[in-house]
Amino acid sequence: DVKSLGIKFKKDAAKIKKAIPNLSSTDIKSFMSSGEITIEGCHLSSEDLRVQRGIQQTPETKHLEVAVDDNCLVILDSFAYPELAQEGMAREFVNRVQRLRKSAGLVPTDDVRMVYKVVKDDNNEVDSMFKDQKSLFDKAIQGEIQREDAATEGALAEEDANVRDVSVKLMLFKL
């Protein structure tokens, strides 16, 4: 607490403040166990200093979320890994297909064929997403999944689905 250090140690407060970042891990552990430390010839107690855990923010740690509570430090890696981002996108499309099934009046036991047409996909990720997440789609759709290659007339239901920066036209056909 810089304010209380200034009141208690007056002109030595600046020297103490400057020396604190240079304390070693051993010095800090000793202070935490005894509640006392001497810095720049000044005796400080636990009323004068407070130990707060954290991580230094650098470009390498910018994706880490940190929460501190007394003696507990929790670090969460919030980096969006490509596999997780792809699975998230797949779940969004599954949700759209399920809503499309409902709007078409289909029941869960109805077998369908889902056809998709890529409208906008700057990163060319839609086809690989449908291929890599096939088991997720098979379980949710209970039918076939195909990319539109030919004429697709007679669809039970259609929807233009926009997920992130991707636009796909979804069509359901009864088997």
N, C-alpha and C. Protein backbone atom coordinates (compact mmCIF):
# COMPACT_ATOMS: atom_id res chain seq x y z
N ASP A 1 0.85 -1.17 0.00
CA ASP A 1 0.00 0.00 0.00
C ASP A 1 0.90 1.23 0.00
N VAL A 2 1.04 1.87 -1.14
CA VAL A 2 1.97 2.98 -1.32
C VAL A 2 1.61 4.15 -0.41
N LYS A 3 0.34 4.42 -0.21
CA LYS A 3 -0.07 5.55 0.62
C LYS A 3 0.39 5.34 2.06
N SER A 4 0.14 4.16 2.62
CA SER A 4 0.55 3.92 4.00
C SER A 4 2.07 3.86 4.13
N LEU A 5 2.75 3.38 3.09
CA LEU A 5 4.22 3.40 3.11
C LEU A 5 4.73 4.84 3.16
N GLY A 6 4.12 5.72 2.40
CA GLY A 6 4.51 7.14 2.39
C GLY A 6 4.30 7.80 3.73
N ILE A 7 3.19 7.49 4.38
CA ILE A 7 2.90 8.07 5.70
C ILE A 7 3.87 7.54 6.74
N LYS A 8 4.14 6.25 6.70
CA LYS A 8 4.96 5.62 7.73
C LYS A 8 6.46 5.84 7.52
N PHE A 9 6.92 5.78 6.27
CA PHE A 9 8.36 5.83 6.02
C PHE A 9 8.83 7.11 5.33
N LYS A 10 7.94 8.01 5.04
CA LYS A 10 8.23 9.31 4.45
C LYS A 10 9.18 9.19 3.25
N LYS A 11 10.40 9.76 3.36
CA LYS A 11 11.32 9.81 2.22
C LYS A 11 11.85 8.44 1.81
N ASP A 12 11.83 7.45 2.72
CA ASP A 12 12.30 6.11 2.38
C ASP A 12 11.27 5.33 1.56
N ALA A 13 10.05 5.82 1.48
CA ALA A 13 8.98 5.10 0.77
C ALA A 13 9.33 4.90 -0.71
N ALA A 14 9.94 5.89 -1.33
CA ALA A 14 10.29 5.77 -2.75
C ALA A 14 11.34 4.67 -2.95
N LYS A 15 12.33 4.59 -2.03
CA LYS A 15 13.36 3.55 -2.13
C LYS A 15 12.73 2.17 -1.94
N ILE A 16 11.81 2.07 -0.99
CA ILE A 16 11.14 0.79 -0.72
C ILE A 16 10.33 0.36 -1.94
N LYS A 17 9.56 1.31 -2.49
CA LYS A 17 8.73 1.01 -3.65
C LYS A 17 9.58 0.54 -4.83
N LYS A 18 10.74 1.15 -5.00
CA LYS A 18 11.63 0.77 -6.09
C LYS A 18 12.26 -0.60 -5.88
N ALA A 19 12.49 -0.99 -4.61
CA ALA A 19 13.15 -2.26 -4.29
C ALA A 19 12.19 -3.45 -4.30
N ILE A 20 10.91 -3.22 -4.10
CA ILE A 20 9.93 -4.32 -4.00
C ILE A 20 9.92 -5.22 -5.23
N PRO A 21 9.90 -4.69 -6.47
CA PRO A 21 9.89 -5.59 -7.63
C PRO A 21 11.13 -6.47 -7.75
N ASN A 22 12.21 -6.09 -7.08
CA ASN A 22 13.45 -6.86 -7.15
C ASN A 22 13.56 -7.93 -6.08
N LEU A 23 12.53 -8.08 -5.24
CA LEU A 23 12.57 -9.11 -4.20
C LEU A 23 12.57 -10.49 -4.85
N SER A 24 13.32 -11.38 -4.26
CA SER A 24 13.37 -12.75 -4.78
C SER A 24 12.17 -13.55 -4.29
N SER A 25 11.96 -14.68 -4.91
CA SER A 25 10.89 -15.57 -4.50
C SER A 25 11.09 -16.02 -3.05
N THR A 26 12.34 -16.26 -2.69
CA THR A 26 12.66 -16.68 -1.31
C THR A 26 12.31 -15.58 -0.32
N ASP A 27 12.62 -14.32 -0.67
CA ASP A 27 12.28 -13.19 0.20
C ASP A 27 10.77 -13.10 0.41
N ILE A 28 10.02 -13.27 -0.66
CA ILE A 28 8.56 -13.17 -0.57
C ILE A 28 7.98 -14.31 0.25
N LYS A 29 8.50 -15.53 0.04
CA LYS A 29 8.04 -16.67 0.83
C LYS A 29 8.33 -16.46 2.31
N SER A 30 9.51 -15.94 2.61
CA SER A 30 9.89 -15.66 3.99
C SER A 30 8.94 -14.63 4.61
N PHE A 31 8.64 -13.58 3.85
CA PHE A 31 7.71 -12.55 4.33
C PHE A 31 6.33 -13.14 4.57
N MET A 32 5.87 -14.01 3.67
CA MET A 32 4.54 -14.60 3.82
C MET A 32 4.45 -15.48 5.06
N SER A 33 5.53 -16.16 5.39
CA SER A 33 5.48 -17.04 6.57
C SER A 33 5.68 -16.27 7.87
N SER A 34 6.56 -15.25 7.86
CA SER A 34 6.85 -14.52 9.11
C SER A 34 6.02 -13.26 9.26
N GLY A 35 5.57 -12.68 8.14
CA GLY A 35 4.81 -11.44 8.21
C GLY A 35 5.70 -10.22 8.38
N GLU A 36 7.02 -10.39 8.22
CA GLU A 36 7.96 -9.27 8.38
C GLU A 36 9.05 -9.38 7.33
N ILE A 37 9.58 -8.21 6.94
CA ILE A 37 10.69 -8.16 5.99
C ILE A 37 11.41 -6.82 6.15
N THR A 38 12.69 -6.79 5.86
CA THR A 38 13.47 -5.55 5.90
C THR A 38 13.88 -5.23 4.47
N ILE A 39 13.47 -4.04 4.02
CA ILE A 39 13.79 -3.58 2.68
C ILE A 39 14.45 -2.22 2.80
N GLU A 40 15.64 -2.09 2.20
CA GLU A 40 16.39 -0.83 2.23
C GLU A 40 16.55 -0.31 3.66
N GLY A 41 16.76 -1.22 4.59
CA GLY A 41 16.97 -0.85 5.99
C GLY A 41 15.71 -0.51 6.76
N CYS A 42 14.57 -0.65 6.14
CA CYS A 42 13.29 -0.33 6.79
C CYS A 42 12.56 -1.64 7.10
N HIS A 43 12.07 -1.75 8.32
CA HIS A 43 11.35 -2.94 8.77
C HIS A 43 9.87 -2.80 8.41
N LEU A 44 9.38 -3.73 7.59
CA LEU A 44 7.98 -3.69 7.16
C LEU A 44 7.25 -4.92 7.68
N SER A 45 5.97 -4.72 7.99
CA SER A 45 5.14 -5.83 8.48
C SER A 45 4.04 -6.13 7.46
N SER A 46 3.21 -7.09 7.79
CA SER A 46 2.11 -7.46 6.89
C SER A 46 1.07 -6.35 6.77
N GLU A 47 1.13 -5.37 7.68
CA GLU A 47 0.23 -4.21 7.56
C GLU A 47 0.72 -3.26 6.47
N ASP A 48 2.03 -3.33 6.18
CA ASP A 48 2.62 -2.42 5.21
C ASP A 48 2.64 -2.99 3.78
N LEU A 49 2.75 -4.29 3.68
CA LEU A 49 2.84 -4.95 2.37
C LEU A 49 1.75 -6.00 2.20
N ARG A 50 1.36 -6.19 0.96
CA ARG A 50 0.40 -7.23 0.63
C ARG A 50 0.94 -7.99 -0.58
N VAL A 51 0.97 -9.31 -0.49
CA VAL A 51 1.45 -10.13 -1.60
C VAL A 51 0.25 -10.47 -2.48
N GLN A 52 0.42 -10.18 -3.76
CA GLN A 52 -0.65 -10.47 -4.72
C GLN A 52 -0.06 -11.29 -5.86
N ARG A 53 -0.64 -12.46 -6.09
CA ARG A 53 -0.15 -13.34 -7.14
C ARG A 53 -0.73 -12.94 -8.49
N GLY A 54 -0.01 -13.28 -9.53
CA GLY A 54 -0.47 -12.99 -10.88
C GLY A 54 0.57 -13.46 -11.87
N ILE A 55 0.32 -13.16 -13.13
CA ILE A 55 1.31 -13.45 -14.16
C ILE A 55 1.59 -12.17 -14.92
N GLN A 56 2.79 -12.05 -15.40
CA GLN A 56 3.17 -10.86 -16.14
C GLN A 56 2.53 -10.92 -17.53
N GLN A 57 1.91 -9.82 -17.93
CA GLN A 57 1.26 -9.78 -19.24
C GLN A 57 2.31 -9.56 -20.32
N THR A 58 2.43 -10.53 -21.20
CA THR A 58 3.32 -10.46 -22.35
C THR A 58 2.54 -10.94 -23.56
N PRO A 59 3.08 -10.77 -24.76
CA PRO A 59 2.37 -11.31 -25.93
C PRO A 59 2.12 -12.81 -25.84
N GLU A 60 3.01 -13.53 -25.16
CA GLU A 60 2.85 -14.98 -25.03
C GLU A 60 1.75 -15.35 -24.03
N THR A 61 1.43 -14.46 -23.09
CA THR A 61 0.44 -14.77 -22.06
C THR A 61 -0.87 -14.00 -22.24
N LYS A 62 -1.03 -13.31 -23.37
CA LYS A 62 -2.22 -12.48 -23.54
C LYS A 62 -3.51 -13.29 -23.58
N HIS A 63 -3.44 -14.57 -23.92
CA HIS A 63 -4.64 -15.41 -24.00
C HIS A 63 -4.94 -16.10 -22.67
N LEU A 64 -4.18 -15.80 -21.64
CA LEU A 64 -4.41 -16.42 -20.34
C LEU A 64 -5.28 -15.51 -19.48
N GLU A 65 -6.33 -16.07 -18.91
CA GLU A 65 -7.21 -15.35 -17.99
C GLU A 65 -6.81 -15.74 -16.58
N VAL A 66 -6.64 -14.76 -15.70
CA VAL A 66 -6.14 -15.02 -14.35
C VAL A 66 -7.15 -14.53 -13.32
N ALA A 67 -7.37 -15.35 -12.29
CA ALA A 67 -8.20 -14.96 -11.15
C ALA A 67 -7.43 -15.32 -9.88
N VAL A 68 -7.41 -14.39 -8.93
CA VAL A 68 -6.65 -14.58 -7.70
C VAL A 68 -7.58 -14.39 -6.51
N ASP A 69 -7.43 -15.28 -5.53
CA ASP A 69 -8.18 -15.16 -4.29
C ASP A 69 -7.29 -15.67 -3.16
N ASP A 70 -6.80 -14.78 -2.33
CA ASP A 70 -5.88 -15.11 -1.24
C ASP A 70 -4.74 -15.99 -1.72
N ASN A 71 -4.72 -17.25 -1.33
CA ASN A 71 -3.61 -18.14 -1.68
C ASN A 71 -3.88 -19.00 -2.90
N CYS A 72 -4.89 -18.66 -3.67
CA CYS A 72 -5.26 -19.48 -4.83
C CYS A 72 -5.14 -18.64 -6.10
N LEU A 73 -4.45 -19.19 -7.07
CA LEU A 73 -4.28 -18.55 -8.37
C LEU A 73 -4.82 -19.51 -9.43
N VAL A 74 -5.78 -19.04 -10.22
CA VAL A 74 -6.36 -19.86 -11.28
C VAL A 74 -6.00 -19.22 -12.62
N ILE A 75 -5.42 -20.02 -13.51
CA ILE A 75 -5.05 -19.55 -14.83
C ILE A 75 -5.81 -20.38 -15.85
N LEU A 76 -6.57 -19.69 -16.70
CA LEU A 76 -7.38 -20.36 -17.72
C LEU A 76 -6.84 -19.98 -19.10
N ASP A 77 -6.54 -20.98 -19.89
CA ASP A 77 -6.06 -20.76 -21.25
C ASP A 77 -7.28 -20.53 -22.14
N SER A 78 -7.48 -19.29 -22.59
CA SER A 78 -8.66 -18.96 -23.38
C SER A 78 -8.36 -18.88 -24.87
N PHE A 79 -7.25 -19.48 -25.28
CA PHE A 79 -6.88 -19.48 -26.70
C PHE A 79 -7.90 -20.31 -27.48
N ALA A 80 -8.35 -19.78 -28.59
CA ALA A 80 -9.32 -20.50 -29.43
C ALA A 80 -8.57 -21.42 -30.38
N TYR A 81 -8.43 -22.66 -29.97
CA TYR A 81 -7.75 -23.65 -30.81
C TYR A 81 -8.60 -23.95 -32.03
N PRO A 82 -7.99 -24.16 -33.19
CA PRO A 82 -8.76 -24.39 -34.42
C PRO A 82 -9.76 -25.53 -34.32
N GLU A 83 -9.39 -26.62 -33.62
CA GLU A 83 -10.30 -27.76 -33.49
C GLU A 83 -11.55 -27.37 -32.70
N LEU A 84 -11.36 -26.58 -31.64
CA LEU A 84 -12.50 -26.15 -30.83
C LEU A 84 -13.36 -25.15 -31.60
N ALA A 85 -12.73 -24.26 -32.35
CA ALA A 85 -13.49 -23.30 -33.15
C ALA A 85 -14.32 -24.03 -34.20
N GLN A 86 -13.73 -25.06 -34.80
CA GLN A 86 -14.45 -25.84 -35.81
C GLN A 86 -15.63 -26.58 -35.18
N GLU A 87 -15.41 -27.16 -34.00
CA GLU A 87 -16.50 -27.86 -33.32
C GLU A 87 -17.61 -26.89 -32.93
N GLY A 88 -17.24 -25.69 -32.50
CA GLY A 88 -18.24 -24.68 -32.17
C GLY A 88 -19.07 -24.30 -33.38
N MET A 89 -18.41 -24.14 -34.52
CA MET A 89 -19.13 -23.82 -35.75
C MET A 89 -20.06 -24.97 -36.13
N ALA A 90 -19.58 -26.19 -35.99
CA ALA A 90 -20.41 -27.36 -36.32
C ALA A 90 -21.64 -27.40 -35.43
N ARG A 91 -21.47 -27.12 -34.16
CA ARG A 91 -22.62 -27.12 -33.24
C ARG A 91 -23.64 -26.05 -33.63
N GLU A 92 -23.16 -24.90 -34.10
CA GLU A 92 -24.08 -23.85 -34.57
C GLU A 92 -24.88 -24.35 -35.77
N PHE A 93 -24.22 -25.02 -36.70
CA PHE A 93 -24.93 -25.54 -37.87
C PHE A 93 -25.89 -26.65 -37.48
N VAL A 94 -25.53 -27.50 -36.54
CA VAL A 94 -26.43 -28.55 -36.05
C VAL A 94 -27.68 -27.90 -35.47
N ASN A 95 -27.49 -26.84 -34.70
CA ASN A 95 -28.62 -26.12 -34.11
C ASN A 95 -29.54 -25.59 -35.21
N ARG A 96 -28.95 -25.02 -36.26
CA ARG A 96 -29.76 -24.50 -37.36
C ARG A 96 -30.52 -25.62 -38.06
N VAL A 97 -29.88 -26.77 -38.25
CA VAL A 97 -30.54 -27.90 -38.90
C VAL A 97 -31.68 -28.42 -38.04
N GLN A 98 -31.48 -28.49 -36.74
CA GLN A 98 -32.54 -28.97 -35.85
C GLN A 98 -33.74 -28.02 -35.88
N ARG A 99 -33.48 -26.72 -35.92
CA ARG A 99 -34.59 -25.76 -36.03
C ARG A 99 -35.28 -25.89 -37.39
N LEU A 100 -34.50 -26.18 -38.41
CA LEU A 100 -35.06 -26.37 -39.74
C LEU A 100 -35.94 -27.61 -39.78
N ARG A 101 -35.51 -28.68 -39.12
CA ARG A 101 -36.33 -29.91 -39.03
C ARG A 101 -37.66 -29.59 -38.35
N LYS A 102 -37.57 -28.82 -37.28
CA LYS A 102 -38.79 -28.48 -36.52
C LYS A 102 -39.73 -27.64 -37.38
N SER A 103 -39.18 -26.65 -38.08
CA SER A 103 -40.04 -25.80 -38.91
C SER A 103 -40.66 -26.57 -40.08
N ALA A 104 -40.01 -27.67 -40.50
CA ALA A 104 -40.55 -28.50 -41.58
C ALA A 104 -41.58 -29.50 -41.05
N GLY A 105 -41.77 -29.55 -39.73
CA GLY A 105 -42.73 -30.46 -39.15
C GLY A 105 -42.23 -31.89 -39.05
N LEU A 106 -40.93 -32.07 -39.09
CA LEU A 106 -40.36 -33.42 -39.00
C LEU A 106 -40.26 -33.84 -37.54
N VAL A 107 -40.37 -35.13 -37.32
CA VAL A 107 -40.20 -35.68 -35.98
C VAL A 107 -38.81 -36.32 -35.92
N PRO A 108 -38.30 -36.54 -34.71
CA PRO A 108 -36.93 -37.08 -34.58
C PRO A 108 -36.68 -38.39 -35.30
N THR A 109 -37.72 -39.18 -35.52
CA THR A 109 -37.52 -40.48 -36.18
C THR A 109 -37.50 -40.38 -37.70
N ASP A 110 -37.85 -39.22 -38.26
CA ASP A 110 -37.84 -39.05 -39.71
C ASP A 110 -36.40 -38.98 -40.22
N ASP A 111 -36.10 -39.84 -41.20
CA ASP A 111 -34.78 -39.82 -41.83
C ASP A 111 -34.77 -38.76 -42.92
N VAL A 112 -33.72 -37.96 -42.94
CA VAL A 112 -33.63 -36.88 -43.92
C VAL A 112 -32.25 -36.87 -44.57
N ARG A 113 -32.20 -36.17 -45.66
CA ARG A 113 -30.92 -35.89 -46.32
C ARG A 113 -30.72 -34.39 -46.24
N MET A 114 -29.59 -33.98 -45.70
CA MET A 114 -29.29 -32.56 -45.61
C MET A 114 -28.31 -32.23 -46.72
N VAL A 115 -28.65 -31.21 -47.48
CA VAL A 115 -27.77 -30.74 -48.55
C VAL A 115 -27.36 -29.32 -48.19
N TYR A 116 -26.08 -29.04 -48.33
CA TYR A 116 -25.62 -27.68 -48.05
C TYR A 116 -24.94 -27.09 -49.28
N LYS A 117 -25.12 -25.80 -49.43
CA LYS A 117 -24.47 -25.07 -50.52
C LYS A 117 -23.69 -23.93 -49.89
N VAL A 118 -22.41 -23.90 -50.15
CA VAL A 118 -21.56 -22.84 -49.59
C VAL A 118 -21.80 -21.56 -50.37
N VAL A 119 -22.25 -20.53 -49.65
CA VAL A 119 -22.50 -19.23 -50.27
C VAL A 119 -21.28 -18.33 -50.09
N LYS A 120 -20.74 -18.29 -48.87
CA LYS A 120 -19.56 -17.47 -48.58
C LYS A 120 -18.70 -18.21 -47.57
N ASP A 121 -17.45 -18.43 -47.94
CA ASP A 121 -16.49 -19.12 -47.06
C ASP A 121 -15.09 -18.67 -47.45
N ASP A 122 -14.67 -17.53 -46.92
CA ASP A 122 -13.37 -16.96 -47.28
C ASP A 122 -12.19 -17.84 -46.89
N ASN A 123 -12.33 -18.60 -45.81
CA ASN A 123 -11.22 -19.42 -45.31
C ASN A 123 -11.30 -20.88 -45.75
N ASN A 124 -12.27 -21.21 -46.61
CA ASN A 124 -12.44 -22.59 -47.10
C ASN A 124 -12.49 -23.60 -45.96
N GLU A 125 -13.32 -23.32 -44.97
CA GLU A 125 -13.38 -24.21 -43.80
C GLU A 125 -14.66 -25.02 -43.71
N VAL A 126 -15.67 -24.72 -44.51
CA VAL A 126 -16.96 -25.40 -44.38
C VAL A 126 -16.88 -26.87 -44.74
N ASP A 127 -16.30 -27.18 -45.89
CA ASP A 127 -16.23 -28.59 -46.32
C ASP A 127 -15.45 -29.43 -45.32
N SER A 128 -14.32 -28.91 -44.84
CA SER A 128 -13.54 -29.68 -43.86
C SER A 128 -14.30 -29.79 -42.54
N MET A 129 -15.07 -28.76 -42.18
CA MET A 129 -15.86 -28.83 -40.95
C MET A 129 -16.91 -29.93 -41.04
N PHE A 130 -17.63 -30.01 -42.16
CA PHE A 130 -18.64 -31.06 -42.31
C PHE A 130 -17.99 -32.44 -42.33
N LYS A 131 -16.80 -32.55 -42.91
CA LYS A 131 -16.09 -33.83 -42.97
C LYS A 131 -15.54 -34.21 -41.58
N ASP A 132 -14.84 -33.28 -40.94
CA ASP A 132 -14.20 -33.56 -39.65
C ASP A 132 -15.21 -33.79 -38.52
N GLN A 133 -16.35 -33.13 -38.60
CA GLN A 133 -17.37 -33.23 -37.55
C GLN A 133 -18.52 -34.14 -37.98
N LYS A 134 -18.25 -35.07 -38.88
CA LYS A 134 -19.28 -35.96 -39.43
C LYS A 134 -20.05 -36.69 -38.34
N SER A 135 -19.36 -37.19 -37.33
CA SER A 135 -20.05 -37.95 -36.27
C SER A 135 -21.05 -37.07 -35.52
N LEU A 136 -20.72 -35.81 -35.31
CA LEU A 136 -21.63 -34.88 -34.65
C LEU A 136 -22.88 -34.67 -35.51
N PHE A 137 -22.68 -34.47 -36.80
CA PHE A 137 -23.82 -34.27 -37.70
C PHE A 137 -24.65 -35.54 -37.85
N ASP A 138 -24.00 -36.69 -37.98
CA ASP A 138 -24.72 -37.96 -38.12
C ASP A 138 -25.65 -38.20 -36.94
N LYS A 139 -25.16 -37.92 -35.76
CA LYS A 139 -25.95 -38.14 -34.54
C LYS A 139 -27.13 -37.17 -34.48
N ALA A 140 -26.91 -35.93 -34.84
CA ALA A 140 -27.95 -34.91 -34.71
C ALA A 140 -28.96 -34.95 -35.85
N ILE A 141 -28.50 -35.22 -37.04
CA ILE A 141 -29.37 -35.12 -38.21
C ILE A 141 -30.09 -36.42 -38.51
N GLN A 142 -29.50 -37.54 -38.17
CA GLN A 142 -30.06 -38.86 -38.44
C GLN A 142 -30.36 -39.02 -39.92
N GLY A 143 -29.35 -38.73 -40.71
CA GLY A 143 -29.51 -38.88 -42.15
C GLY A 143 -28.21 -38.55 -42.85
N GLU A 144 -28.31 -38.36 -44.15
CA GLU A 144 -27.14 -38.10 -44.98
C GLU A 144 -26.82 -36.61 -45.03
N ILE A 145 -25.55 -36.32 -45.28
CA ILE A 145 -25.11 -34.94 -45.49
C ILE A 145 -24.40 -34.91 -46.84
N GLN A 146 -24.80 -33.97 -47.68
CA GLN A 146 -24.17 -33.85 -48.99
C GLN A 146 -23.94 -32.38 -49.33
N ARG A 147 -22.90 -32.16 -50.10
CA ARG A 147 -22.68 -30.83 -50.64
C ARG A 147 -23.50 -30.74 -51.93
N GLU A 148 -24.08 -29.58 -52.18
CA GLU A 148 -24.91 -29.42 -53.38
C GLU A 148 -24.03 -29.44 -54.62
N ASP A 149 -24.26 -30.43 -55.46
CA ASP A 149 -23.51 -30.54 -56.71
C ASP A 149 -24.45 -30.46 -57.91
N ALA A 150 -25.70 -30.79 -57.71
CA ALA A 150 -26.66 -30.80 -58.81
C ALA A 150 -27.88 -29.98 -58.41
N ALA A 151 -28.89 -30.02 -59.24
CA ALA A 151 -30.13 -29.29 -58.95
C ALA A 151 -30.78 -29.88 -57.70
N THR A 152 -31.28 -29.00 -56.87
CA THR A 152 -31.90 -29.45 -55.61
C THR A 152 -33.28 -28.84 -55.50
N GLU A 153 -34.22 -29.47 -56.16
CA GLU A 153 -35.60 -29.01 -56.10
C GLU A 153 -36.40 -29.95 -55.21
N GLY A 154 -37.45 -29.42 -54.63
CA GLY A 154 -38.32 -30.24 -53.81
C GLY A 154 -37.86 -30.38 -52.36
N ALA A 155 -37.14 -29.41 -51.87
CA ALA A 155 -36.69 -29.46 -50.48
C ALA A 155 -37.87 -29.25 -49.54
N LEU A 156 -37.87 -29.99 -48.42
CA LEU A 156 -38.90 -29.81 -47.40
C LEU A 156 -38.76 -28.45 -46.72
N ALA A 157 -37.52 -28.05 -46.51
CA ALA A 157 -37.25 -26.77 -45.85
C ALA A 157 -35.88 -26.28 -46.27
N GLU A 158 -35.73 -24.95 -46.29
CA GLU A 158 -34.46 -24.33 -46.64
C GLU A 158 -34.19 -23.18 -45.69
N GLU A 159 -32.91 -22.92 -45.48
CA GLU A 159 -32.54 -21.77 -44.64
C GLU A 159 -31.15 -21.31 -45.03
N ASP A 160 -30.97 -20.00 -45.06
CA ASP A 160 -29.64 -19.43 -45.24
C ASP A 160 -29.06 -19.22 -43.85
N ALA A 161 -28.02 -19.97 -43.54
CA ALA A 161 -27.41 -19.92 -42.21
C ALA A 161 -26.11 -19.15 -42.27
N ASN A 162 -25.98 -18.17 -41.39
CA ASN A 162 -24.75 -17.39 -41.28
C ASN A 162 -24.15 -17.65 -39.91
N VAL A 163 -22.97 -18.23 -39.91
CA VAL A 163 -22.25 -18.50 -38.67
C VAL A 163 -20.86 -17.91 -38.82
N ARG A 164 -20.53 -17.00 -37.94
CA ARG A 164 -19.26 -16.27 -38.01
C ARG A 164 -19.15 -15.60 -39.37
N ASP A 165 -18.11 -15.89 -40.13
CA ASP A 165 -17.94 -15.27 -41.45
C ASP A 165 -18.29 -16.23 -42.57
N VAL A 166 -19.15 -17.19 -42.28
CA VAL A 166 -19.50 -18.23 -43.24
C VAL A 166 -21.00 -18.18 -43.51
N SER A 167 -21.36 -18.28 -44.78
CA SER A 167 -22.78 -18.36 -45.16
C SER A 167 -23.01 -19.66 -45.92
N VAL A 168 -24.01 -20.39 -45.48
CA VAL A 168 -24.33 -21.68 -46.08
C VAL A 168 -25.84 -21.78 -46.23
N LYS A 169 -26.28 -22.30 -47.37
CA LYS A 169 -27.70 -22.57 -47.58
C LYS A 169 -27.93 -24.02 -47.19
N LEU A 170 -28.82 -24.24 -46.23
CA LEU A 170 -29.14 -25.59 -45.75
C LEU A 170 -30.49 -26.01 -46.33
N MET A 171 -30.56 -27.25 -46.82
CA MET A 171 -31.80 -27.77 -47.39
C MET A 171 -32.04 -29.17 -46.85
N LEU A 172 -33.28 -29.47 -46.50
CA LEU A 172 -33.64 -30.80 -46.00
C LEU A 172 -34.55 -31.50 -47.01
N PHE A 173 -34.24 -32.77 -47.25
CA PHE A 173 -35.03 -33.61 -48.14
C PHE A 173 -35.38 -34.88 -47.39
N LYS A 174 -36.61 -35.36 -47.57
CA LYS A 174 -37.02 -36.60 -46.93
C LYS A 174 -36.43 -37.78 -47.70
N LEU A 175 -35.96 -38.79 -46.96
CA LEU A 175 -35.41 -40.00 -47.61
C LEU A 175 -36.51 -40.96 -47.97
